[in-house]
Amino acid sequence: GFLGVVCSDSDRACQIERIVPGGAAEAAGLIHLDVIVGIGDAEVRRFKDLQAAINQHLPGDEIEVRYLRGSQQVRTVSLRLRKLEEK
């Protein structure tokens, strides 16, 4: 499946650097600088964790994304993954 984000490759956080226009993340309201902390039951600390979690799902699967925006509490959004070319 395809989420539609590019995150910083940091060991500390999976912070969104870019949202792919028309992707699932944009449709779900994720924005630049949100920090993804989980996908379903999987914890996300780095971009490679996010990629591994997304790779467990197929396009069309609905997943739950947990993220931080600013210093607020963890937020949750459900979204449907897309195909890479289906933006």
PDB file of N, CA and C in Angstrom:
ATOM      1  N   GLY A   1       0.809  -1.189   0.000  1.00  0.00           N
ATOM      2  CA  GLY A   1       0.000   0.000   0.000  1.00  0.00           C
ATOM      3  C   GLY A   1       0.854   1.256   0.000  1.00  0.00           C
ATOM      4  N   PHE A   2       0.256   2.383  -0.309  1.00  0.00           N
ATOM      5  CA  PHE A   2       0.961   3.656  -0.428  1.00  0.00           C
ATOM      6  C   PHE A   2       0.291   4.690   0.460  1.00  0.00           C
ATOM      7  N   LEU A   3       1.071   5.236   1.412  1.00  0.00           N
ATOM      8  CA  LEU A   3       0.556   6.241   2.337  1.00  0.00           C
ATOM      9  C   LEU A   3       0.658   7.642   1.752  1.00  0.00           C
ATOM     10  N   GLY A   4       1.785   7.935   1.102  1.00  0.00           N
ATOM     11  CA  GLY A   4       1.949   9.248   0.475  1.00  0.00           C
ATOM     12  C   GLY A   4       2.652  10.272   1.333  1.00  0.00           C
ATOM     13  N   VAL A   5       3.698   9.832   2.057  1.00  0.00           N
ATOM     14  CA  VAL A   5       4.504  10.765   2.841  1.00  0.00           C
ATOM     15  C   VAL A   5       5.980  10.495   2.611  1.00  0.00           C
ATOM     16  N   VAL A   6       6.779  11.531   2.789  1.00  0.00           N
ATOM     17  CA  VAL A   6       8.233  11.410   2.860  1.00  0.00           C
ATOM     18  C   VAL A   6       8.609  11.946   4.226  1.00  0.00           C
ATOM     19  N   CYS A   7       9.317  11.123   5.001  1.00  0.00           N
ATOM     20  CA  CYS A   7       9.673  11.512   6.366  1.00  0.00           C
ATOM     21  C   CYS A   7      11.174  11.697   6.496  1.00  0.00           C
ATOM     22  N   SER A   8      11.560  12.508   7.477  1.00  0.00           N
ATOM     23  CA  SER A   8      12.977  12.673   7.775  1.00  0.00           C
ATOM     24  C   SER A   8      13.528  11.324   8.206  1.00  0.00           C
ATOM     25  N   ASP A   9      14.775  11.062   7.874  1.00  0.00           N
ATOM     26  CA  ASP A   9      15.394   9.786   8.209  1.00  0.00           C
ATOM     27  C   ASP A   9      16.202   9.954   9.485  1.00  0.00           C
ATOM     28  N   SER A  10      15.494  10.211  10.558  1.00  0.00           N
ATOM     29  CA  SER A  10      16.102  10.470  11.862  1.00  0.00           C
ATOM     30  C   SER A  10      15.957   9.236  12.742  1.00  0.00           C
ATOM     31  N   ASP A  11      16.858   9.083  13.690  1.00  0.00           N
ATOM     32  CA  ASP A  11      16.742   7.989  14.652  1.00  0.00           C
ATOM     33  C   ASP A  11      15.777   8.337  15.776  1.00  0.00           C
ATOM     34  N   ARG A  12      15.340   9.583  15.836  1.00  0.00           N
ATOM     35  CA  ARG A  12      14.510  10.044  16.953  1.00  0.00           C
ATOM     36  C   ARG A  12      13.027  10.088  16.649  1.00  0.00           C
ATOM     37  N   ALA A  13      12.662  10.315  15.397  1.00  0.00           N
ATOM     38  CA  ALA A  13      11.245  10.474  15.077  1.00  0.00           C
ATOM     39  C   ALA A  13      11.000  10.285  13.586  1.00  0.00           C
ATOM     40  N   CYS A  14       9.754   9.963  13.256  1.00  0.00           N
ATOM     41  CA  CYS A  14       9.336   9.842  11.861  1.00  0.00           C
ATOM     42  C   CYS A  14       8.483  11.068  11.534  1.00  0.00           C
ATOM     43  N   GLN A  15       9.174  12.193  11.317  1.00  0.00           N
ATOM     44  CA  GLN A  15       8.494  13.466  11.065  1.00  0.00           C
ATOM     45  C   GLN A  15       8.255  13.643   9.572  1.00  0.00           C
ATOM     46  N   ILE A  16       7.030  14.020   9.228  1.00  0.00           N
ATOM     47  CA  ILE A  16       6.671  14.192   7.815  1.00  0.00           C
ATOM     48  C   ILE A  16       7.357  15.431   7.257  1.00  0.00           C
ATOM     49  N   GLU A  17       8.150  15.214   6.230  1.00  0.00           N
ATOM     50  CA  GLU A  17       8.829  16.310   5.527  1.00  0.00           C
ATOM     51  C   GLU A  17       8.033  16.763   4.305  1.00  0.00           C
ATOM     52  N   ARG A  18       7.307  15.805   3.692  1.00  0.00           N
ATOM     53  CA  ARG A  18       6.549  16.140   2.485  1.00  0.00           C
ATOM     54  C   ARG A  18       5.343  15.216   2.376  1.00  0.00           C
ATOM     55  N   ILE A  19       4.227  15.785   1.974  1.00  0.00           N
ATOM     56  CA  ILE A  19       3.003  15.042   1.706  1.00  0.00           C
ATOM     57  C   ILE A  19       2.862  14.934   0.188  1.00  0.00           C
ATOM     58  N   VAL A  20       2.644  13.722  -0.311  1.00  0.00           N
ATOM     59  CA  VAL A  20       2.445  13.531  -1.745  1.00  0.00           C
ATOM     60  C   VAL A  20       1.028  13.983  -2.096  1.00  0.00           C
ATOM     61  N   PRO A  21       0.903  14.972  -2.990  1.00  0.00           N
ATOM     62  CA  PRO A  21      -0.432  15.471  -3.356  1.00  0.00           C
ATOM     63  C   PRO A  21      -1.332  14.343  -3.867  1.00  0.00           C
ATOM     64  N   GLY A  22      -2.540  14.311  -3.351  1.00  0.00           N
ATOM     65  CA  GLY A  22      -3.509  13.305  -3.774  1.00  0.00           C
ATOM     66  C   GLY A  22      -3.354  11.956  -3.100  1.00  0.00           C
ATOM     67  N   GLY A  23      -2.415  11.826  -2.187  1.00  0.00           N
ATOM     68  CA  GLY A  23      -2.192  10.552  -1.505  1.00  0.00           C
ATOM     69  C   GLY A  23      -3.133  10.348  -0.333  1.00  0.00           C
ATOM     70  N   ALA A  24      -3.080   9.151   0.243  1.00  0.00           N
ATOM     71  CA  ALA A  24      -3.957   8.797   1.367  1.00  0.00           C
ATOM     72  C   ALA A  24      -3.702   9.698   2.578  1.00  0.00           C
ATOM     73  N   ALA A  25      -2.433  10.036   2.831  1.00  0.00           N
ATOM     74  CA  ALA A  25      -2.100  10.878   3.987  1.00  0.00           C
ATOM     75  C   ALA A  25      -2.734  12.265   3.854  1.00  0.00           C
ATOM     76  N   GLU A  26      -2.653  12.840   2.649  1.00  0.00           N
ATOM     77  CA  GLU A  26      -3.250  14.157   2.426  1.00  0.00           C
ATOM     78  C   GLU A  26      -4.769  14.091   2.606  1.00  0.00           C
ATOM     79  N   ALA A  27      -5.387  13.064   2.055  1.00  0.00           N
ATOM     80  CA  ALA A  27      -6.840  12.917   2.166  1.00  0.00           C
ATOM     81  C   ALA A  27      -7.283  12.767   3.624  1.00  0.00           C
ATOM     82  N   ALA A  28      -6.409  12.184   4.456  1.00  0.00           N
ATOM     83  CA  ALA A  28      -6.741  11.969   5.865  1.00  0.00           C
ATOM     84  C   ALA A  28      -6.426  13.180   6.734  1.00  0.00           C
ATOM     85  N   GLY A  29      -5.803  14.214   6.147  1.00  0.00           N
ATOM     86  CA  GLY A  29      -5.526  15.432   6.899  1.00  0.00           C
ATOM     87  C   GLY A  29      -4.166  15.498   7.570  1.00  0.00           C
ATOM     88  N   LEU A  30      -3.275  14.546   7.287  1.00  0.00           N
ATOM     89  CA  LEU A  30      -1.915  14.653   7.819  1.00  0.00           C
ATOM     90  C   LEU A  30      -1.209  15.814   7.139  1.00  0.00           C
ATOM     91  N   ILE A  31      -0.316  16.478   7.865  1.00  0.00           N
ATOM     92  CA  ILE A  31       0.353  17.661   7.322  1.00  0.00           C
ATOM     93  C   ILE A  31       1.860  17.612   7.599  1.00  0.00           C
ATOM     94  N   HIS A  32       2.567  18.496   6.912  1.00  0.00           N
ATOM     95  CA  HIS A  32       4.003  18.683   7.092  1.00  0.00           C
ATOM     96  C   HIS A  32       4.311  18.881   8.575  1.00  0.00           C
ATOM     97  N   LEU A  33       5.311  18.211   9.070  1.00  0.00           N
ATOM     98  CA  LEU A  33       5.823  18.260  10.448  1.00  0.00           C
ATOM     99  C   LEU A  33       5.027  17.422  11.453  1.00  0.00           C
ATOM    100  N   ASP A  34       3.921  16.781  11.041  1.00  0.00           N
ATOM    101  CA  ASP A  34       3.311  15.790  11.923  1.00  0.00           C
ATOM    102  C   ASP A  34       4.347  14.691  12.150  1.00  0.00           C
ATOM    103  N   VAL A  35       4.311  14.050  13.313  1.00  0.00           N
ATOM    104  CA  VAL A  35       5.229  12.961  13.634  1.00  0.00           C
ATOM    105  C   VAL A  35       4.416  11.682  13.770  1.00  0.00           C
ATOM    106  N   ILE A  36       4.666  10.723  12.882  1.00  0.00           N
ATOM    107  CA  ILE A  36       3.956   9.448  12.927  1.00  0.00           C
ATOM    108  C   ILE A  36       4.595   8.578  14.005  1.00  0.00           C
ATOM    109  N   VAL A  37       3.755   8.095  14.935  1.00  0.00           N
ATOM    110  CA  VAL A  37       4.263   7.291  16.054  1.00  0.00           C
ATOM    111  C   VAL A  37       3.747   5.856  16.021  1.00  0.00           C
ATOM    112  N   GLY A  38       2.770   5.577  15.152  1.00  0.00           N
ATOM    113  CA  GLY A  38       2.269   4.216  15.086  1.00  0.00           C
ATOM    114  C   GLY A  38       1.374   3.963  13.891  1.00  0.00           C
ATOM    115  N   ILE A  39       1.391   2.708  13.441  1.00  0.00           N
ATOM    116  CA  ILE A  39       0.501   2.224  12.386  1.00  0.00           C
ATOM    117  C   ILE A  39      -0.141   0.965  12.941  1.00  0.00           C
ATOM    118  N   GLY A  40      -1.454   1.000  13.150  1.00  0.00           N
ATOM    119  CA  GLY A  40      -2.115  -0.151  13.772  1.00  0.00           C
ATOM    120  C   GLY A  40      -1.481  -0.432  15.126  1.00  0.00           C
ATOM    121  N   ASP A  41      -1.073  -1.672  15.337  1.00  0.00           N
ATOM    122  CA  ASP A  41      -0.422  -2.053  16.594  1.00  0.00           C
ATOM    123  C   ASP A  41       1.080  -1.811  16.583  1.00  0.00           C
ATOM    124  N   ALA A  42       1.634  -1.458  15.427  1.00  0.00           N
ATOM    125  CA  ALA A  42       3.084  -1.291  15.298  1.00  0.00           C
ATOM    126  C   ALA A  42       3.527   0.094  15.759  1.00  0.00           C
ATOM    127  N   GLU A  43       4.597   0.131  16.523  1.00  0.00           N
ATOM    128  CA  GLU A  43       5.196   1.401  16.953  1.00  0.00           C
ATOM    129  C   GLU A  43       6.122   1.901  15.843  1.00  0.00           C
ATOM    130  N   VAL A  44       6.107   3.194  15.606  1.00  0.00           N
ATOM    131  CA  VAL A  44       6.955   3.800  14.580  1.00  0.00           C
ATOM    132  C   VAL A  44       7.875   4.812  15.246  1.00  0.00           C
ATOM    133  N   ARG A  45       9.177   4.591  15.094  1.00  0.00           N
ATOM    134  CA  ARG A  45      10.164   5.526  15.627  1.00  0.00           C
ATOM    135  C   ARG A  45      10.983   6.188  14.519  1.00  0.00           C
ATOM    136  N   ARG A  46      11.107   5.470  13.413  1.00  0.00           N
ATOM    137  CA  ARG A  46      11.905   5.961  12.284  1.00  0.00           C
ATOM    138  C   ARG A  46      11.145   5.707  10.995  1.00  0.00           C
ATOM    139  N   PHE A  47      11.601   6.337   9.907  1.00  0.00           N
ATOM    140  CA  PHE A  47      10.955   6.175   8.606  1.00  0.00           C
ATOM    141  C   PHE A  47      10.962   4.711   8.179  1.00  0.00           C
ATOM    142  N   LYS A  48      12.047   3.989   8.472  1.00  0.00           N
ATOM    143  CA  LYS A  48      12.093   2.578   8.064  1.00  0.00           C
ATOM    144  C   LYS A  48      11.052   1.748   8.823  1.00  0.00           C
ATOM    145  N   ASP A  49      10.719   2.142  10.063  1.00  0.00           N
ATOM    146  CA  ASP A  49       9.643   1.463  10.799  1.00  0.00           C
ATOM    147  C   ASP A  49       8.307   1.692  10.098  1.00  0.00           C
ATOM    148  N   LEU A  50       8.090   2.921   9.647  1.00  0.00           N
ATOM    149  CA  LEU A  50       6.866   3.254   8.924  1.00  0.00           C
ATOM    150  C   LEU A  50       6.763   2.434   7.645  1.00  0.00           C
ATOM    151  N   GLN A  51       7.861   2.388   6.896  1.00  0.00           N
ATOM    152  CA  GLN A  51       7.866   1.636   5.643  1.00  0.00           C
ATOM    153  C   GLN A  51       7.574   0.159   5.890  1.00  0.00           C
ATOM    154  N   ALA A  52       8.178  -0.414   6.935  1.00  0.00           N
ATOM    155  CA  ALA A  52       7.947  -1.829   7.254  1.00  0.00           C
ATOM    156  C   ALA A  52       6.485  -2.073   7.618  1.00  0.00           C
ATOM    157  N   ALA A  53       5.892  -1.165   8.392  1.00  0.00           N
ATOM    158  CA  ALA A  53       4.498  -1.315   8.794  1.00  0.00           C
ATOM    159  C   ALA A  53       3.560  -1.200   7.591  1.00  0.00           C
ATOM    160  N   ILE A  54       3.821  -0.239   6.722  1.00  0.00           N
ATOM    161  CA  ILE A  54       2.983  -0.049   5.530  1.00  0.00           C
ATOM    162  C   ILE A  54       3.108  -1.242   4.590  1.00  0.00           C
ATOM    163  N   ASN A  55       4.309  -1.808   4.490  1.00  0.00           N
ATOM    164  CA  ASN A  55       4.536  -2.947   3.592  1.00  0.00           C
ATOM    165  C   ASN A  55       3.776  -4.195   4.020  1.00  0.00           C
ATOM    166  N   GLN A  56       3.223  -4.209   5.220  1.00  0.00           N
ATOM    167  CA  GLN A  56       2.412  -5.337   5.685  1.00  0.00           C
ATOM    168  C   GLN A  56       0.976  -5.248   5.175  1.00  0.00           C
ATOM    169  N   HIS A  57       0.667  -4.166   4.468  1.00  0.00           N
ATOM    170  CA  HIS A  57      -0.702  -3.920   4.005  1.00  0.00           C
ATOM    171  C   HIS A  57      -0.749  -3.762   2.491  1.00  0.00           C
ATOM    172  N   LEU A  58      -1.922  -3.995   1.952  1.00  0.00           N
ATOM    173  CA  LEU A  58      -2.149  -3.876   0.514  1.00  0.00           C
ATOM    174  C   LEU A  58      -2.923  -2.599   0.206  1.00  0.00           C
ATOM    175  N   PRO A  59      -2.828  -2.113  -1.045  1.00  0.00           N
ATOM    176  CA  PRO A  59      -3.669  -0.992  -1.441  1.00  0.00           C
ATOM    177  C   PRO A  59      -5.135  -1.338  -1.176  1.00  0.00           C
ATOM    178  N   GLY A  60      -5.869  -0.387  -0.637  1.00  0.00           N
ATOM    179  CA  GLY A  60      -7.267  -0.608  -0.300  1.00  0.00           C
ATOM    180  C   GLY A  60      -7.483  -0.980   1.157  1.00  0.00           C
ATOM    181  N   ASP A  61      -6.404  -1.402   1.846  1.00  0.00           N
ATOM    182  CA  ASP A  61      -6.528  -1.710   3.277  1.00  0.00           C
ATOM    183  C   ASP A  61      -6.758  -0.427   4.056  1.00  0.00           C
ATOM    184  N   GLU A  62      -7.619  -0.516   5.053  1.00  0.00           N
ATOM    185  CA  GLU A  62      -7.820   0.617   5.948  1.00  0.00           C
ATOM    186  C   GLU A  62      -6.922   0.415   7.161  1.00  0.00           C
ATOM    187  N   ILE A  63      -6.152   1.450   7.498  1.00  0.00           N
ATOM    188  CA  ILE A  63      -5.240   1.366   8.634  1.00  0.00           C
ATOM    189  C   ILE A  63      -5.481   2.542   9.575  1.00  0.00           C
ATOM    190  N   GLU A  64      -5.004   2.381  10.787  1.00  0.00           N
ATOM    191  CA  GLU A  64      -5.075   3.444  11.782  1.00  0.00           C
ATOM    192  C   GLU A  64      -3.662   4.033  11.936  1.00  0.00           C
ATOM    193  N   VAL A  65      -3.574   5.343  11.804  1.00  0.00           N
ATOM    194  CA  VAL A  65      -2.294   6.043  11.941  1.00  0.00           C
ATOM    195  C   VAL A  65      -2.349   6.888  13.213  1.00  0.00           C
ATOM    196  N   ARG A  66      -1.352   6.703  14.089  1.00  0.00           N
ATOM    197  CA  ARG A  66      -1.228   7.526  15.292  1.00  0.00           C
ATOM    198  C   ARG A  66      -0.109   8.528  15.042  1.00  0.00           C
ATOM    199  N   TYR A  67      -0.377   9.787  15.411  1.00  0.00           N
ATOM    200  CA  TYR A  67       0.608  10.835  15.128  1.00  0.00           C
ATOM    201  C   TYR A  67       0.522  11.955  16.152  1.00  0.00           C
ATOM    202  N   LEU A  68       1.577  12.735  16.190  1.00  0.00           N
ATOM    203  CA  LEU A  68       1.648  13.926  17.040  1.00  0.00           C
ATOM    204  C   LEU A  68       1.650  15.154  16.147  1.00  0.00           C
ATOM    205  N   ARG A  69       0.940  16.175  16.580  1.00  0.00           N
ATOM    206  CA  ARG A  69       0.966  17.467  15.890  1.00  0.00           C
ATOM    207  C   ARG A  69       1.312  18.510  16.943  1.00  0.00           C
ATOM    208  N   GLY A  70       2.465  19.132  16.785  1.00  0.00           N
ATOM    209  CA  GLY A  70       2.928  20.075  17.793  1.00  0.00           C
ATOM    210  C   GLY A  70       3.198  19.334  19.096  1.00  0.00           C
ATOM    211  N   SER A  71       2.846  19.950  20.208  1.00  0.00           N
ATOM    212  CA  SER A  71       3.088  19.313  21.506  1.00  0.00           C
ATOM    213  C   SER A  71       1.818  18.687  22.069  1.00  0.00           C
ATOM    214  N   GLN A  72       0.825  18.493  21.215  1.00  0.00           N
ATOM    215  CA  GLN A  72      -0.451  17.952  21.675  1.00  0.00           C
ATOM    216  C   GLN A  72      -0.363  16.445  21.890  1.00  0.00           C
ATOM    217  N   GLN A  73      -1.443  15.889  22.428  1.00  0.00           N
ATOM    218  CA  GLN A  73      -1.532  14.453  22.648  1.00  0.00           C
ATOM    219  C   GLN A  73      -1.564  13.712  21.319  1.00  0.00           C
ATOM    220  N   VAL A  74      -1.349  12.405  21.405  1.00  0.00           N
ATOM    221  CA  VAL A  74      -1.389  11.560  20.208  1.00  0.00           C
ATOM    222  C   VAL A  74      -2.787  11.604  19.599  1.00  0.00           C
ATOM    223  N   ARG A  75      -2.832  11.829  18.300  1.00  0.00           N
ATOM    224  CA  ARG A  75      -4.080  11.817  17.540  1.00  0.00           C
ATOM    225  C   ARG A  75      -4.127  10.525  16.727  1.00  0.00           C
ATOM    226  N   THR A  76      -5.326  10.137  16.331  1.00  0.00           N
ATOM    227  CA  THR A  76      -5.495   8.930  15.526  1.00  0.00           C
ATOM    228  C   THR A  76      -6.395   9.244  14.341  1.00  0.00           C
ATOM    229  N   VAL A  77      -6.023   8.708  13.183  1.00  0.00           N
ATOM    230  CA  VAL A  77      -6.850   8.849  11.992  1.00  0.00           C
ATOM    231  C   VAL A  77      -6.861   7.505  11.261  1.00  0.00           C
ATOM    232  N   SER A  78      -8.014   7.152  10.713  1.00  0.00           N
ATOM    233  CA  SER A  78      -8.121   5.958   9.872  1.00  0.00           C
ATOM    234  C   SER A  78      -8.093   6.404   8.421  1.00  0.00           C
ATOM    235  N   LEU A  79      -7.393   5.648   7.612  1.00  0.00           N
ATOM    236  CA  LEU A  79      -7.319   5.980   6.192  1.00  0.00           C
ATOM    237  C   LEU A  79      -7.201   4.715   5.380  1.00  0.00           C
ATOM    238  N   ARG A  80      -7.481   4.832   4.098  1.00  0.00           N
ATOM    239  CA  ARG A  80      -7.392   3.701   3.172  1.00  0.00           C
ATOM    240  C   ARG A  80      -6.159   3.897   2.297  1.00  0.00           C
ATOM    241  N   LEU A  81      -5.262   2.906   2.366  1.00  0.00           N
ATOM    242  CA  LEU A  81      -4.040   2.982   1.559  1.00  0.00           C
ATOM    243  C   LEU A  81      -4.380   2.930   0.077  1.00  0.00           C
ATOM    244  N   ARG A  82      -3.552   3.572  -0.695  1.00  0.00           N
ATOM    245  CA  ARG A  82      -3.745   3.610  -2.145  1.00  0.00           C
ATOM    246  C   ARG A  82      -2.606   2.895  -2.834  1.00  0.00           C
ATOM    247  N   LYS A  83      -2.693   2.809  -4.153  1.00  0.00           N
ATOM    248  CA  LYS A  83      -1.582   2.302  -4.959  1.00  0.00           C
ATOM    249  C   LYS A  83      -0.670   3.481  -5.242  1.00  0.00           C
ATOM    250  N   LEU A  84       0.595   3.192  -5.485  1.00  0.00           N
ATOM    251  CA  LEU A  84       1.557   4.248  -5.759  1.00  0.00           C
ATOM    252  C   LEU A  84       1.101   5.157  -6.887  1.00  0.00           C
ATOM    253  N   GLU A  85       0.583   4.586  -7.958  1.00  0.00           N
ATOM    254  CA  GLU A  85       0.157   5.413  -9.101  1.00  0.00           C
ATOM    255  C   GLU A  85      -1.243   5.969  -8.935  1.00  0.00           C
ATOM    256  N   GLU A  86      -1.969   5.563  -7.885  1.00  0.00           N
ATOM    257  CA  GLU A  86      -3.351   5.990  -7.659  1.00  0.00           C
ATOM    258  C   GLU A  86      -3.383   7.136  -6.664  1.00  0.00           C
ATOM    259  N   LYS A  87      -2.910   8.295  -7.083  1.00  0.00           N
ATOM    260  CA  LYS A  87      -2.834   9.438  -6.176  1.00  0.00           C
ATOM    261  C   LYS A  87      -4.050  10.235  -6.215  1.00  0.00           C
TER     262      LYS A  87
END
